[in-house]
């Protein structure tokens, strides 16, 4: 995750929490969807090399 992605992730988190606290559930849902999708992006390992067997 680079700096821009981290900043966007933090901004979505703050936006969704703020909207939930102000009882705007529909708008909070719109903010939470990309937040969840980006969290799935970093939940799974990427570019994992499989162990090679030496013969």
N, C-alpha and C. Protein backbone atom coordinates (compact mmCIF):
# COMPACT_ATOMS: atom_id res chain seq x y z
N UNK A 1 0.86 -1.17 0.00
CA UNK A 1 0.00 0.00 0.00
C UNK A 1 0.91 1.24 0.00
N UNK A 2 0.72 2.09 -0.97
CA UNK A 2 1.52 3.31 -1.00
C UNK A 2 0.80 4.43 -0.24
N UNK A 3 1.41 5.61 -0.21
CA UNK A 3 0.88 6.71 0.58
C UNK A 3 -0.49 7.17 0.14
N UNK A 4 -0.71 7.21 -1.17
CA UNK A 4 -2.00 7.68 -1.69
C UNK A 4 -3.12 6.71 -1.33
N UNK A 5 -2.84 5.41 -1.45
CA UNK A 5 -3.86 4.42 -1.10
C UNK A 5 -4.16 4.44 0.39
N UNK A 6 -3.14 4.63 1.20
CA UNK A 6 -3.35 4.70 2.64
C UNK A 6 -4.17 5.91 3.04
N UNK A 7 -3.90 7.03 2.38
CA UNK A 7 -4.67 8.25 2.66
C UNK A 7 -6.13 8.08 2.25
N UNK A 8 -6.36 7.46 1.10
CA UNK A 8 -7.74 7.22 0.65
C UNK A 8 -8.46 6.25 1.58
N UNK A 9 -7.75 5.23 2.04
CA UNK A 9 -8.33 4.26 2.97
C UNK A 9 -8.72 4.94 4.27
N UNK A 10 -7.83 5.79 4.79
CA UNK A 10 -8.12 6.51 6.04
C UNK A 10 -9.28 7.48 5.86
N UNK A 11 -9.33 8.15 4.71
CA UNK A 11 -10.41 9.11 4.45
C UNK A 11 -11.75 8.40 4.36
N UNK A 12 -11.80 7.24 3.71
CA UNK A 12 -13.05 6.48 3.64
C UNK A 12 -13.49 6.01 5.02
N UNK A 13 -12.52 5.62 5.84
CA UNK A 13 -12.85 5.17 7.20
C UNK A 13 -13.44 6.32 8.02
N UNK A 14 -12.79 7.47 7.98
CA UNK A 14 -13.28 8.63 8.73
C UNK A 14 -14.64 9.07 8.22
N UNK A 15 -14.82 9.07 6.90
CA UNK A 15 -16.10 9.47 6.31
C UNK A 15 -17.21 8.53 6.73
N UNK A 16 -16.96 7.22 6.68
CA UNK A 16 -18.01 6.27 7.03
C UNK A 16 -18.37 6.35 8.52
N UNK A 17 -17.39 6.52 9.39
CA UNK A 17 -17.68 6.63 10.82
C UNK A 17 -18.46 7.92 11.10
N UNK A 18 -18.04 9.01 10.46
CA UNK A 18 -18.74 10.28 10.67
C UNK A 18 -20.19 10.20 10.21
N UNK A 19 -20.42 9.58 9.07
CA UNK A 19 -21.79 9.45 8.56
C UNK A 19 -22.63 8.55 9.45
N UNK A 20 -22.02 7.50 9.99
CA UNK A 20 -22.78 6.64 10.91
C UNK A 20 -23.13 7.37 12.19
N UNK A 21 -22.23 8.20 12.68
CA UNK A 21 -22.50 8.94 13.92
C UNK A 21 -23.56 10.01 13.73
N UNK A 22 -23.72 10.50 12.50
CA UNK A 22 -24.74 11.51 12.24
C UNK A 22 -26.04 10.89 11.72
N UNK A 23 -26.16 9.58 11.85
CA UNK A 23 -27.38 8.84 11.46
C UNK A 23 -27.73 8.97 9.98
N UNK A 24 -26.74 9.02 9.13
CA UNK A 24 -26.97 9.01 7.69
C UNK A 24 -26.51 7.66 7.15
N UNK A 25 -27.33 6.68 7.38
CA UNK A 25 -26.96 5.29 7.10
C UNK A 25 -26.79 5.03 5.61
N UNK A 26 -27.64 5.62 4.77
CA UNK A 26 -27.55 5.38 3.33
C UNK A 26 -26.23 5.90 2.78
N UNK A 27 -25.82 7.08 3.18
CA UNK A 27 -24.55 7.61 2.70
C UNK A 27 -23.37 6.86 3.31
N UNK A 28 -23.50 6.41 4.54
CA UNK A 28 -22.44 5.63 5.17
C UNK A 28 -22.24 4.31 4.45
N UNK A 29 -23.33 3.71 3.98
CA UNK A 29 -23.22 2.47 3.22
C UNK A 29 -22.45 2.69 1.93
N UNK A 30 -22.68 3.82 1.28
CA UNK A 30 -21.96 4.14 0.04
C UNK A 30 -20.47 4.31 0.34
N UNK A 31 -20.12 4.82 1.50
CA UNK A 31 -18.72 5.01 1.87
C UNK A 31 -18.08 3.70 2.34
N UNK A 32 -18.88 2.82 2.93
CA UNK A 32 -18.33 1.57 3.47
C UNK A 32 -18.01 0.56 2.37
N UNK A 33 -18.77 0.55 1.28
CA UNK A 33 -18.56 -0.44 0.22
C UNK A 33 -17.13 -0.37 -0.35
N UNK A 34 -16.62 0.79 -0.78
CA UNK A 34 -15.23 0.79 -1.27
C UNK A 34 -14.21 0.51 -0.17
N UNK A 35 -14.55 0.85 1.06
CA UNK A 35 -13.66 0.56 2.18
C UNK A 35 -13.51 -0.95 2.35
N UNK A 36 -14.60 -1.67 2.28
CA UNK A 36 -14.57 -3.13 2.40
C UNK A 36 -13.85 -3.75 1.21
N UNK A 37 -14.10 -3.24 0.02
CA UNK A 37 -13.44 -3.80 -1.16
C UNK A 37 -11.93 -3.61 -1.11
N UNK A 38 -11.47 -2.46 -0.64
CA UNK A 38 -10.02 -2.26 -0.54
C UNK A 38 -9.42 -3.10 0.58
N UNK A 39 -10.17 -3.37 1.62
CA UNK A 39 -9.64 -4.23 2.68
C UNK A 39 -9.49 -5.66 2.17
N UNK A 40 -10.39 -6.11 1.29
CA UNK A 40 -10.25 -7.44 0.69
C UNK A 40 -9.02 -7.50 -0.20
N UNK A 41 -8.67 -6.40 -0.82
CA UNK A 41 -7.51 -6.38 -1.70
C UNK A 41 -6.24 -6.72 -0.94
N UNK A 42 -6.13 -6.23 0.30
CA UNK A 42 -4.93 -6.45 1.09
C UNK A 42 -5.07 -7.60 2.08
N UNK A 43 -6.19 -8.30 2.07
CA UNK A 43 -6.37 -9.41 2.99
C UNK A 43 -5.68 -10.68 2.51
N UNK A 44 -5.54 -10.81 1.23
CA UNK A 44 -5.00 -12.03 0.66
C UNK A 44 -3.58 -11.79 0.16
N UNK A 45 -2.70 -12.75 0.33
CA UNK A 45 -1.31 -12.56 -0.11
C UNK A 45 -1.23 -12.45 -1.63
N UNK A 46 -0.33 -11.57 -2.05
CA UNK A 46 -0.15 -11.35 -3.48
C UNK A 46 1.30 -11.64 -3.84
N UNK A 47 1.52 -12.16 -5.02
CA UNK A 47 2.85 -12.47 -5.53
C UNK A 47 3.62 -13.42 -4.60
N UNK A 48 2.93 -14.44 -4.14
CA UNK A 48 3.58 -15.43 -3.28
C UNK A 48 4.22 -16.47 -4.17
N UNK A 49 5.51 -16.69 -3.95
CA UNK A 49 6.21 -17.70 -4.74
C UNK A 49 6.02 -19.05 -4.08
N UNK A 50 5.71 -20.03 -4.89
CA UNK A 50 5.56 -21.38 -4.36
C UNK A 50 6.94 -21.98 -4.15
N UNK A 51 7.04 -22.83 -3.17
CA UNK A 51 8.31 -23.50 -2.89
C UNK A 51 8.64 -24.44 -4.03
N UNK A 52 9.87 -24.36 -4.48
CA UNK A 52 10.31 -25.23 -5.57
C UNK A 52 11.10 -26.39 -4.99
N UNK A 53 10.87 -27.53 -5.56
CA UNK A 53 11.58 -28.72 -5.10
C UNK A 53 12.84 -28.89 -5.91
N UNK A 54 13.94 -29.14 -5.24
CA UNK A 54 15.21 -29.38 -5.93
C UNK A 54 15.37 -30.89 -6.10
N UNK A 55 15.67 -31.27 -7.33
CA UNK A 55 15.83 -32.71 -7.60
C UNK A 55 17.26 -33.04 -7.86
